Protein backbone atom coordinates (compact mmCIF):
# COMPACT_ATOMS: atom_id res chain seq x y z
CA UNK A 1 -0.03 0.00 -0.01
CA UNK A 2 1.50 3.22 -1.07
CA UNK A 3 -1.45 5.62 -0.45
CA UNK A 4 -4.48 5.56 1.80
CA UNK A 5 -7.25 7.90 2.62
CA UNK A 6 -10.36 7.91 4.66
CA UNK A 7 -12.82 10.65 5.70
CA UNK A 8 -14.86 8.39 7.89
CA UNK A 9 -12.37 7.73 10.75
CA UNK A 10 -13.30 8.13 14.46
CA UNK A 11 -10.73 9.40 16.94
CA UNK A 12 -11.39 8.61 20.48
CA UNK A 13 -9.33 9.40 23.67
CA UNK A 14 -10.29 7.79 27.03
CA UNK A 15 -12.53 9.93 28.92
CA UNK A 16 -13.82 11.94 25.85
CA UNK A 17 -16.35 11.18 23.26
CA UNK A 18 -15.33 10.06 19.76
CA UNK A 19 -14.83 12.71 17.13
CA UNK A 20 -14.77 12.35 13.24
CA UNK A 21 -11.37 12.33 11.72
CA UNK A 22 -9.82 12.38 8.21
CA UNK A 23 -6.64 10.42 7.58
CA UNK A 24 -4.50 10.50 4.42
CA UNK A 25 -1.05 9.02 3.92
CA UNK A 26 1.50 8.43 1.20
CA UNK A 27 4.59 6.45 1.86
CA UNK A 28 7.30 6.99 2.99
CA UNK A 29 6.69 10.15 5.13
CA UNK A 30 3.52 11.89 4.11
CA UNK A 31 0.76 11.59 6.80
CA UNK A 32 -2.07 13.71 7.92
CA UNK A 33 -4.78 13.21 10.56
CA UNK A 34 -7.39 15.97 11.11
CA UNK A 35 -10.17 15.65 13.59
CA UNK A 36 -13.05 18.00 14.32
CA UNK A 37 -16.11 18.29 16.47
CA UNK A 38 -19.11 16.23 15.15
CA UNK A 39 -21.20 19.36 15.07
CA UNK A 40 -19.55 22.01 12.94
CA UNK A 41 -16.08 22.02 11.52
CA UNK A 42 -13.97 23.36 14.37
CA UNK A 43 -10.76 21.48 14.14
CA UNK A 44 -9.44 19.82 17.24
CA UNK A 45 -6.45 17.80 16.15
CA UNK A 46 -4.01 18.31 13.30
CA UNK A 47 -0.90 16.11 13.14
CA UNK A 48 1.10 15.23 10.12
CA UNK A 49 4.36 14.72 8.35
CA UNK A 50 5.74 15.44 5.00
CA UNK A 51 9.23 14.77 3.43
CA UNK A 52 10.82 17.60 5.38
CA UNK A 53 9.04 18.08 8.66
CA UNK A 54 6.33 16.96 11.03
CA UNK A 55 3.73 18.89 13.11
CA UNK A 56 1.39 18.24 16.04
CA UNK A 57 -1.52 20.44 17.20
CA UNK A 58 -4.33 19.80 19.76
CA UNK A 59 -6.92 22.22 20.81
CA UNK A 60 -5.92 22.50 24.45
CA UNK A 61 -9.20 24.06 25.45
CA UNK A 62 -11.13 21.08 24.29
CA UNK A 63 -8.74 18.68 25.96
CA UNK A 64 -9.11 20.53 29.30
CA UNK A 65 -5.52 21.67 29.36
CA UNK A 66 -5.85 25.36 28.21
CA UNK A 67 -7.24 28.12 30.26
CA UNK A 68 -9.61 30.84 29.00
CA UNK A 69 -7.55 33.76 27.66
CA UNK A 70 -4.41 31.75 27.53
CA UNK A 71 -4.11 32.25 23.82
CA UNK A 72 -4.12 29.79 21.03
CA UNK A 73 -2.79 26.20 21.53
CA UNK A 74 0.75 25.86 20.21
CA UNK A 75 1.72 24.10 17.05
CA UNK A 76 4.69 21.85 17.78
CA UNK A 77 6.78 21.11 14.70
CA UNK A 78 10.35 20.27 13.53
CA UNK A 79 12.33 19.02 10.67
CA UNK A 80 12.74 15.21 10.82
CA UNK A 81 16.54 15.51 11.22
CA UNK A 82 16.00 17.89 14.29
CA UNK A 83 13.55 15.81 16.14
CA UNK A 84 15.91 14.53 18.79
CA UNK A 85 16.83 18.06 19.75
CA UNK A 86 13.37 19.68 20.02
CA UNK A 87 10.75 19.91 22.81
CA UNK A 88 8.47 17.80 20.52
CA UNK A 89 10.44 14.75 21.59
CA UNK A 90 8.84 15.17 25.13
CA UNK A 91 5.34 15.33 23.82
CA UNK A 92 5.68 12.63 21.16
CA UNK A 93 7.43 9.48 22.39
CA UNK A 94 7.67 8.03 18.87
CA UNK A 95 9.58 9.43 15.81
CA UNK A 96 7.18 10.92 13.40
CA UNK A 97 8.33 8.58 10.57
CA UNK A 98 6.74 5.76 12.42
CA UNK A 99 3.19 7.25 12.20
CA UNK A 100 2.33 5.26 9.11
CA UNK A 101 3.65 1.85 10.43
CA UNK A 102 1.78 2.43 13.69
CA UNK A 103 -1.28 2.18 11.66
CA UNK A 104 -0.37 -1.43 10.81
CA UNK A 105 1.16 -0.62 7.42
CA UNK A 106 4.63 -2.02 8.23
CA UNK A 107 7.64 -2.66 6.19
CA UNK A 108 10.18 -5.26 7.12
CA UNK A 109 13.71 -4.76 5.99
CA UNK A 110 15.11 -8.15 4.96
CA UNK A 111 18.58 -7.08 5.95
CA UNK A 112 17.54 -6.12 9.63
CA UNK A 113 18.51 -8.62 12.24
CA UNK A 114 15.18 -10.19 13.49
CA UNK A 115 14.75 -12.47 16.45
CA UNK A 116 12.01 -15.09 16.27
CA UNK A 117 9.44 -15.90 15.39
CA UNK A 118 8.28 -16.72 18.91
CA UNK A 119 4.81 -18.22 19.56
CA UNK A 120 2.76 -15.78 21.69
CA UNK A 121 -0.59 -17.59 21.55
CA UNK A 122 -2.92 -19.49 19.19
CA UNK A 123 -2.21 -18.49 15.52
CA UNK A 124 0.08 -15.66 16.85
CA UNK A 125 3.85 -15.20 16.54
CA UNK A 126 6.15 -12.20 17.41
CA UNK A 127 9.30 -11.09 15.80
CA UNK A 128 11.68 -8.59 17.29
CA UNK A 129 14.42 -6.15 16.07
CA UNK A 130 16.49 -3.41 17.31
CA UNK A 131 16.03 0.12 15.89
CA UNK A 132 18.65 2.86 16.09
CA UNK A 133 16.79 6.06 17.09
CA UNK A 134 17.35 9.51 18.62
CA UNK A 135 16.55 7.90 21.92
CA UNK A 136 19.19 5.13 21.44
CA UNK A 137 18.33 1.65 20.45
CA UNK A 138 14.60 0.68 20.71
CA UNK A 139 13.24 -2.86 20.67
CA UNK A 140 10.36 -3.18 18.14
CA UNK A 141 8.17 -6.32 18.66
CA UNK A 142 5.54 -7.13 15.96
CA UNK A 143 2.87 -9.69 16.72
CA UNK A 144 1.57 -11.34 13.55
CA UNK A 145 -1.37 -13.79 12.66
CA UNK A 146 0.29 -16.99 11.40
CA UNK A 147 -2.50 -17.78 8.90
CA UNK A 148 -3.00 -14.40 7.22
CA UNK A 149 0.15 -12.42 8.12
CA UNK A 150 -1.92 -9.60 9.63
CA UNK A 151 -0.27 -7.26 12.08
CA UNK A 152 -2.11 -7.42 15.43
CA UNK A 153 0.28 -5.52 17.65
CA UNK A 154 3.45 -3.45 17.63
CA UNK A 155 5.52 -2.34 20.60
CA UNK A 156 8.34 -0.02 20.80
CA UNK A 157 10.34 -0.13 24.04
CA UNK A 158 13.53 1.13 25.60
CA UNK A 159 15.44 -0.07 28.57
CA UNK A 160 12.91 1.38 30.89
CA UNK A 161 9.77 -0.21 29.33
CA UNK A 162 7.19 0.18 26.58
CA UNK A 163 6.89 3.66 25.03
CA UNK A 164 4.12 2.87 22.59
CA UNK A 165 1.76 -0.05 21.88
CA UNK A 166 -0.50 -0.15 18.87
CA UNK A 167 -3.05 -2.89 18.58
CA UNK A 168 -5.06 -3.41 15.45
CA UNK A 169 -8.32 -5.40 15.06
CA UNK A 170 -11.49 -5.73 12.92
CA UNK A 171 -9.33 -6.37 9.84
CA UNK A 172 -11.33 -6.22 6.56
CA UNK A 173 -10.44 -7.67 3.16
CA UNK A 174 -10.89 -5.26 0.23
CA UNK A 175 -11.31 -7.35 -2.86
CA UNK A 176 -10.98 -4.45 -5.38
CA UNK A 177 -7.37 -3.75 -4.20
CA UNK A 178 -6.54 -7.13 -2.76
CA UNK A 179 -5.45 -5.83 0.60
CA UNK A 180 -6.62 -6.36 4.24
CA UNK A 181 -6.53 -3.36 6.55
CA UNK A 182 -7.46 -2.87 10.31
CA UNK A 183 -10.68 -1.06 11.16
CA UNK A 184 -9.67 -0.34 14.70
CA UNK A 185 -6.39 0.87 15.93
CA UNK A 186 -5.73 1.40 19.56
CA UNK A 187 -2.67 3.40 20.42
CA UNK A 188 -1.32 3.61 23.97
CA UNK A 189 1.54 6.02 24.78
CA UNK A 190 3.47 5.76 27.88
CA UNK A 191 2.80 8.72 30.12
CA UNK A 192 5.58 11.10 30.97
CA UNK A 193 8.19 9.36 28.75
C-alpha cells in the first residue's frame, strides 16, 4: 500500500467522546490526521508529516488543558533531522516517521536482524528487532497472525519499558485492491516518557 485515505475515521481518547477524523497518507513520510467536532467544522487535532518536517497540534481548550484567555494552542513542529533536539520529543514518544507503520502498514527490511518468530498464543507469533533512534536503540516487537500475516500488535520499548503499543483489530479484506486493513487501531503512549 503506497497511499491510503479515509474521511470516515473516528478518533477517541479515553474519557472523551469520539470525534470524526480524516486520515491521508502516502509512503514513505507523508501523513495527515485531522479531527473535528461532530457538530460543525472546528478542528481539534491536526498532526502530520511530509518529506521535510512534522507537526502536531491539539486544541488544548477542548482537551481541558488550556485556560480561557491563555491564547491559541501551540503548534509543535520540527524538521525530521532535528526531532531529537526539540521539545516535541517530550510530547511525542515516537519518531514521526513511524506514524504510518503504527497504523499497521509496516515494512520489514530483509537485511535487519530479526529474532524469532516466537509463539505468543494461538495463531500468533512475534518477531523482534533493534532500531537505532534519537533515543538510542529501541526494541520493536511485532505480533503477527500465522495464517494471514496480519499485524495485530506493535510495541516500541527502551530499557525502561514500553513507549508505545499499537493494537489493530477488525481487519477487513478489500477485494478491489486485494489488501486487508485494520478497522480499529488502539494506540497507547507511555505517560511522561
